[in-house]
Amino acid sequence: MSLTSEIFLPREDGSRHILGIAEDPRPDGTDLAGPESWRTKVWGSPSIRRIGARFLPALVDVDGSDGHGDVVEPGQIPAFLDEIALVRAELTRLATETCSPDRTVEQHARHVESRLDAIEASARYARRLGGGLLIW
């Protein structure tokens, strides 16, 4: 199972319209935010918290009020993009501290970076639409 980043548009009644396949032009796979295990091992790790991230660690809280992981509301997208830049700046440290024994730190860093690329692209697209982002 994998974590995905889904774009939503807020509705007038306060609910969210998650873009379906026909509405979302992102190529297959570009919505992937990492394996399910990363919910706690990378995005919710003590290491990423030490970096100062606050949105990505929210993935650990799958029992939130809406039953999902991280919700980045439309007005929070700029701060979320700042967080992605912060994590990128500390990528080597994060990869070193969260690497599993079955890969090298360099391999893990490339994998984390590719997932950050996908998450960032989703956030930028959501911002263009006036939408938000669900990572679950």
Protein backbone atom coordinates (compact mmCIF):
# COMPACT_ATOMS: atom_id res chain seq x y z
CA MET A 1 0.00 0.00 0.00
CA SER A 2 1.22 3.50 -0.78
CA LEU A 3 0.55 6.98 0.47
CA THR A 4 -0.93 9.28 -2.15
CA SER A 5 -1.38 13.01 -2.53
CA GLU A 6 -4.84 13.92 -3.72
CA ILE A 7 -5.99 17.37 -4.76
CA PHE A 8 -9.30 18.66 -3.49
CA LEU A 9 -11.42 21.69 -4.15
CA PRO A 10 -13.39 23.15 -1.27
CA ARG A 11 -17.15 23.26 -1.72
CA GLU A 12 -19.41 26.04 -0.51
CA ASP A 13 -20.94 23.72 2.11
CA GLY A 14 -17.48 23.11 3.64
CA SER A 15 -17.04 19.62 2.19
CA ARG A 16 -14.24 18.66 -0.19
CA HIS A 17 -14.42 17.55 -3.80
CA ILE A 18 -11.46 15.24 -4.45
CA LEU A 19 -10.45 15.39 -8.09
CA GLY A 20 -11.21 12.20 -9.95
CA ILE A 21 -9.13 10.62 -12.68
CA ALA A 22 -10.92 12.55 -15.44
CA GLU A 23 -10.31 15.88 -13.65
CA ASP A 24 -6.71 15.30 -12.64
CA PRO A 25 -4.19 15.52 -15.49
CA ARG A 26 -1.21 14.34 -13.44
CA PRO A 27 0.50 11.30 -15.00
CA ASP A 28 0.07 7.96 -13.23
CA GLY A 29 2.38 7.57 -10.26
CA THR A 30 2.97 11.28 -9.72
CA ASP A 31 0.52 11.23 -6.84
CA LEU A 32 2.66 8.78 -4.83
CA ALA A 33 3.94 10.09 -1.50
CA GLY A 34 5.86 6.97 -0.47
CA PRO A 35 5.17 3.52 0.93
CA GLU A 36 2.67 3.23 3.79
CA SER A 37 5.56 2.49 6.17
CA TRP A 38 6.86 6.02 5.60
CA ARG A 39 3.85 7.40 7.48
CA THR A 40 5.86 6.77 10.65
CA LYS A 41 9.37 5.86 9.45
CA VAL A 42 10.04 8.97 7.35
CA TRP A 43 7.26 11.59 7.29
CA GLY A 44 6.35 11.04 10.94
CA SER A 45 9.87 10.34 12.18
CA PRO A 46 11.58 12.15 15.04
CA SER A 47 14.16 13.25 12.43
CA ILE A 48 11.67 15.18 10.31
CA ARG A 49 10.20 16.73 13.43
CA ARG A 50 13.69 17.94 14.45
CA ILE A 51 13.99 19.58 11.04
CA GLY A 52 10.90 21.60 11.94
CA ALA A 53 8.30 20.00 9.70
CA ARG A 54 4.71 20.10 10.91
CA PHE A 55 2.53 19.12 7.94
CA LEU A 56 4.29 15.89 6.97
CA PRO A 57 4.38 14.54 10.55
CA ALA A 58 0.59 14.94 10.62
CA LEU A 59 0.44 11.82 8.43
CA VAL A 60 0.89 9.79 11.60
CA ASP A 61 -2.47 11.03 12.88
CA VAL A 62 -4.75 8.88 10.75
CA ASP A 63 -7.46 9.15 13.39
CA GLY A 64 -7.92 12.87 12.90
CA SER A 65 -11.31 14.54 12.78
CA ASP A 66 -11.83 13.57 9.16
CA GLY A 67 -10.35 10.07 9.42
CA HIS A 68 -7.50 10.92 7.07
CA GLY A 69 -3.83 11.69 7.32
CA ASP A 70 -2.60 15.15 6.48
CA VAL A 71 -4.97 17.79 5.15
CA VAL A 72 -3.34 20.89 3.71
CA GLU A 73 -6.06 23.49 3.28
CA PRO A 74 -5.84 25.86 0.30
CA GLY A 75 -4.58 28.73 2.44
CA GLN A 76 -1.86 26.51 3.90
CA ILE A 77 -0.31 25.50 0.56
CA PRO A 78 2.36 28.27 0.61
CA ALA A 79 3.51 27.20 4.10
CA PHE A 80 3.46 23.56 2.98
CA LEU A 81 5.69 24.39 0.01
CA ASP A 82 8.05 26.17 2.41
CA GLU A 83 8.13 22.97 4.49
CA ILE A 84 9.03 20.91 1.44
CA ALA A 85 11.93 23.30 0.76
CA LEU A 86 13.02 22.93 4.39
CA VAL A 87 12.97 19.13 4.13
CA ARG A 88 14.93 19.29 0.86
CA ALA A 89 17.59 21.41 2.54
CA GLU A 90 17.97 18.69 5.19
CA LEU A 91 17.51 15.72 2.84
CA THR A 92 20.87 14.07 3.57
CA ARG A 93 20.28 14.25 7.30
CA LEU A 94 16.73 12.90 6.95
CA ALA A 95 17.87 10.08 4.67
CA THR A 96 20.74 9.15 6.98
CA GLU A 97 18.49 9.03 10.04
CA THR A 98 15.60 7.15 8.38
CA CYS A 99 17.39 4.76 6.03
CA SER A 100 16.49 1.09 6.31
CA PRO A 101 19.24 -1.56 6.25
CA ASP A 102 18.18 -2.87 2.81
CA ARG A 103 19.42 0.21 0.90
CA THR A 104 22.15 2.80 0.92
CA VAL A 105 21.64 6.31 2.24
CA GLU A 106 22.09 7.60 -1.31
CA GLN A 107 19.36 5.29 -2.65
CA HIS A 108 17.04 6.28 0.18
CA ALA A 109 17.76 9.99 -0.38
CA ARG A 110 16.88 9.64 -4.08
CA HIS A 111 13.65 7.83 -3.17
CA VAL A 112 12.68 10.48 -0.61
CA GLU A 113 13.54 13.22 -3.09
CA SER A 114 11.40 11.63 -5.81
CA ARG A 115 8.43 11.47 -3.42
CA LEU A 116 9.03 15.11 -2.40
CA ASP A 117 9.01 15.99 -6.11
CA ALA A 118 5.61 14.34 -6.51
CA ILE A 119 4.17 15.93 -3.37
CA GLU A 120 5.48 19.35 -4.38
CA ALA A 121 4.05 19.04 -7.90
CA SER A 122 0.68 18.10 -6.40
CA ALA A 123 0.79 21.07 -4.02
CA ARG A 124 1.71 23.47 -6.83
CA TYR A 125 -1.12 22.15 -8.99
CA ALA A 126 -3.56 22.44 -6.08
CA ARG A 127 -2.44 26.04 -5.54
CA ARG A 128 -3.11 26.87 -9.22
CA LEU A 129 -6.65 25.48 -8.85
CA GLY A 130 -7.31 27.19 -5.51
CA GLY A 131 -7.48 23.76 -3.91
CA GLY A 132 -5.88 21.87 -1.10
CA LEU A 133 -4.08 18.60 -0.66
CA LEU A 134 -4.83 15.33 1.13
CA ILE A 135 -1.95 12.98 1.81
CA TRP A 136 -3.25 9.61 2.90
